[in-house]
C-alpha atoms as a PDB file:
ATOM      1  CA  UNK A   1     -96.360 -41.369 -46.132  1.00  0.00           C
ATOM      2  CA  UNK A   2     -96.855 -40.955 -50.103  1.00  0.00           C
ATOM      3  CA  UNK A   3     -94.034 -42.451 -51.918  1.00  0.00           C
ATOM      4  CA  UNK A   4     -93.383 -39.600 -54.110  1.00  0.00           C
ATOM      5  CA  UNK A   5     -93.255 -37.058 -51.471  1.00  0.00           C
ATOM      6  CA  UNK A   6     -90.705 -33.859 -51.801  1.00  0.00           C
ATOM      7  CA  UNK A   7     -87.827 -35.629 -49.783  1.00  0.00           C
ATOM      8  CA  UNK A   8     -87.936 -38.675 -51.743  1.00  0.00           C
ATOM      9  CA  UNK A   9     -87.937 -37.232 -55.186  1.00  0.00           C
ATOM     10  CA  UNK A  10     -84.344 -36.096 -57.120  1.00  0.00           C
ATOM     11  CA  UNK A  11     -84.787 -32.909 -58.225  1.00  0.00           C
ATOM     12  CA  UNK A  12     -84.296 -32.122 -61.932  1.00  0.00           C
ATOM     13  CA  UNK A  13     -81.028 -30.527 -62.839  1.00  0.00           C
ATOM     14  CA  UNK A  14     -82.048 -27.872 -65.558  1.00  0.00           C
ATOM     15  CA  UNK A  15     -79.796 -26.053 -67.931  1.00  0.00           C
ATOM     16  CA  UNK A  16     -80.089 -22.894 -68.602  1.00  0.00           C
ATOM     17  CA  UNK A  17     -78.518 -19.505 -69.883  1.00  0.00           C
ATOM     18  CA  UNK A  18     -76.343 -19.127 -67.025  1.00  0.00           C
ATOM     19  CA  UNK A  19     -75.003 -22.467 -67.377  1.00  0.00           C
ATOM     20  CA  UNK A  20     -73.759 -22.552 -70.835  1.00  0.00           C
ATOM     21  CA  UNK A  21     -72.286 -18.383 -70.236  1.00  0.00           C
ATOM     22  CA  UNK A  22     -70.552 -20.053 -66.937  1.00  0.00           C
ATOM     23  CA  UNK A  23     -69.524 -22.942 -69.014  1.00  0.00           C
ATOM     24  CA  UNK A  24     -68.853 -21.148 -72.305  1.00  0.00           C
ATOM     25  CA  UNK A  25     -66.464 -18.625 -69.441  1.00  0.00           C
ATOM     26  CA  UNK A  26     -64.893 -21.747 -68.543  1.00  0.00           C
ATOM     27  CA  UNK A  27     -63.864 -22.945 -71.515  1.00  0.00           C
ATOM     28  CA  UNK A  28     -62.231 -19.967 -72.998  1.00  0.00           C
ATOM     29  CA  UNK A  29     -60.577 -19.061 -69.783  1.00  0.00           C
ATOM     30  CA  UNK A  30     -59.136 -22.826 -70.188  1.00  0.00           C
ATOM     31  CA  UNK A  31     -58.281 -22.430 -73.990  1.00  0.00           C
ATOM     32  CA  UNK A  32     -56.594 -19.154 -72.950  1.00  0.00           C
ATOM     33  CA  UNK A  33     -54.761 -19.857 -70.026  1.00  0.00           C
ATOM     34  CA  UNK A  34     -53.404 -23.622 -72.299  1.00  0.00           C
ATOM     35  CA  UNK A  35     -52.434 -20.958 -75.178  1.00  0.00           C
ATOM     36  CA  UNK A  36     -50.304 -18.721 -72.762  1.00  0.00           C
ATOM     37  CA  UNK A  37     -48.952 -21.707 -71.134  1.00  0.00           C
ATOM     38  CA  UNK A  38     -47.519 -22.680 -74.545  1.00  0.00           C
ATOM     39  CA  UNK A  39     -46.705 -18.972 -75.293  1.00  0.00           C
ATOM     40  CA  UNK A  40     -44.155 -19.267 -71.176  1.00  0.00           C
ATOM     41  CA  UNK A  41     -46.295 -17.154 -69.299  1.00  0.00           C
ATOM     42  CA  UNK A  42     -45.523 -18.349 -65.702  1.00  0.00           C
ATOM     43  CA  UNK A  43     -48.339 -15.937 -63.994  1.00  0.00           C
ATOM     44  CA  UNK A  44     -51.313 -15.478 -66.232  1.00  0.00           C
ATOM     45  CA  UNK A  45     -51.913 -18.995 -67.756  1.00  0.00           C
ATOM     46  CA  UNK A  46     -51.829 -20.716 -64.005  1.00  0.00           C
ATOM     47  CA  UNK A  47     -54.191 -18.036 -62.847  1.00  0.00           C
ATOM     48  CA  UNK A  48     -56.802 -18.923 -65.877  1.00  0.00           C
ATOM     49  CA  UNK A  49     -56.194 -22.398 -65.429  1.00  0.00           C
ATOM     50  CA  UNK A  50     -57.239 -22.110 -61.789  1.00  0.00           C
ATOM     51  CA  UNK A  51     -59.602 -19.894 -62.842  1.00  0.00           C
ATOM     52  CA  UNK A  52     -61.407 -22.266 -65.369  1.00  0.00           C
ATOM     53  CA  UNK A  53     -61.043 -25.534 -63.488  1.00  0.00           C
ATOM     54  CA  UNK A  54     -61.890 -24.304 -59.957  1.00  0.00           C
ATOM     55  CA  UNK A  55     -64.171 -21.474 -60.556  1.00  0.00           C
ATOM     56  CA  UNK A  56     -65.942 -21.249 -63.781  1.00  0.00           C
ATOM     57  CA  UNK A  57     -66.635 -25.416 -64.767  1.00  0.00           C
ATOM     58  CA  UNK A  58     -67.877 -25.881 -61.608  1.00  0.00           C
ATOM     59  CA  UNK A  59     -70.099 -23.164 -61.387  1.00  0.00           C
ATOM     60  CA  UNK A  60     -71.714 -24.377 -65.068  1.00  0.00           C
ATOM     61  CA  UNK A  61     -72.662 -27.599 -63.737  1.00  0.00           C
ATOM     62  CA  UNK A  62     -73.873 -26.545 -59.714  1.00  0.00           C
ATOM     63  CA  UNK A  63     -75.604 -23.439 -60.797  1.00  0.00           C
END
């Protein structure tokens, strides 16, 4: 069996425009969430923070 078979070779990570858009949306959601948290929002701020940390930033890394 070849030393460089497709099962053994790591796949290269590609940074695409979609990754950049998801990452930017994640940073925007986090910034907005922390700003709203400082303003005293107890509903919109946690939603934006969870959206940023749990959905958008991991999708920017994985996608």
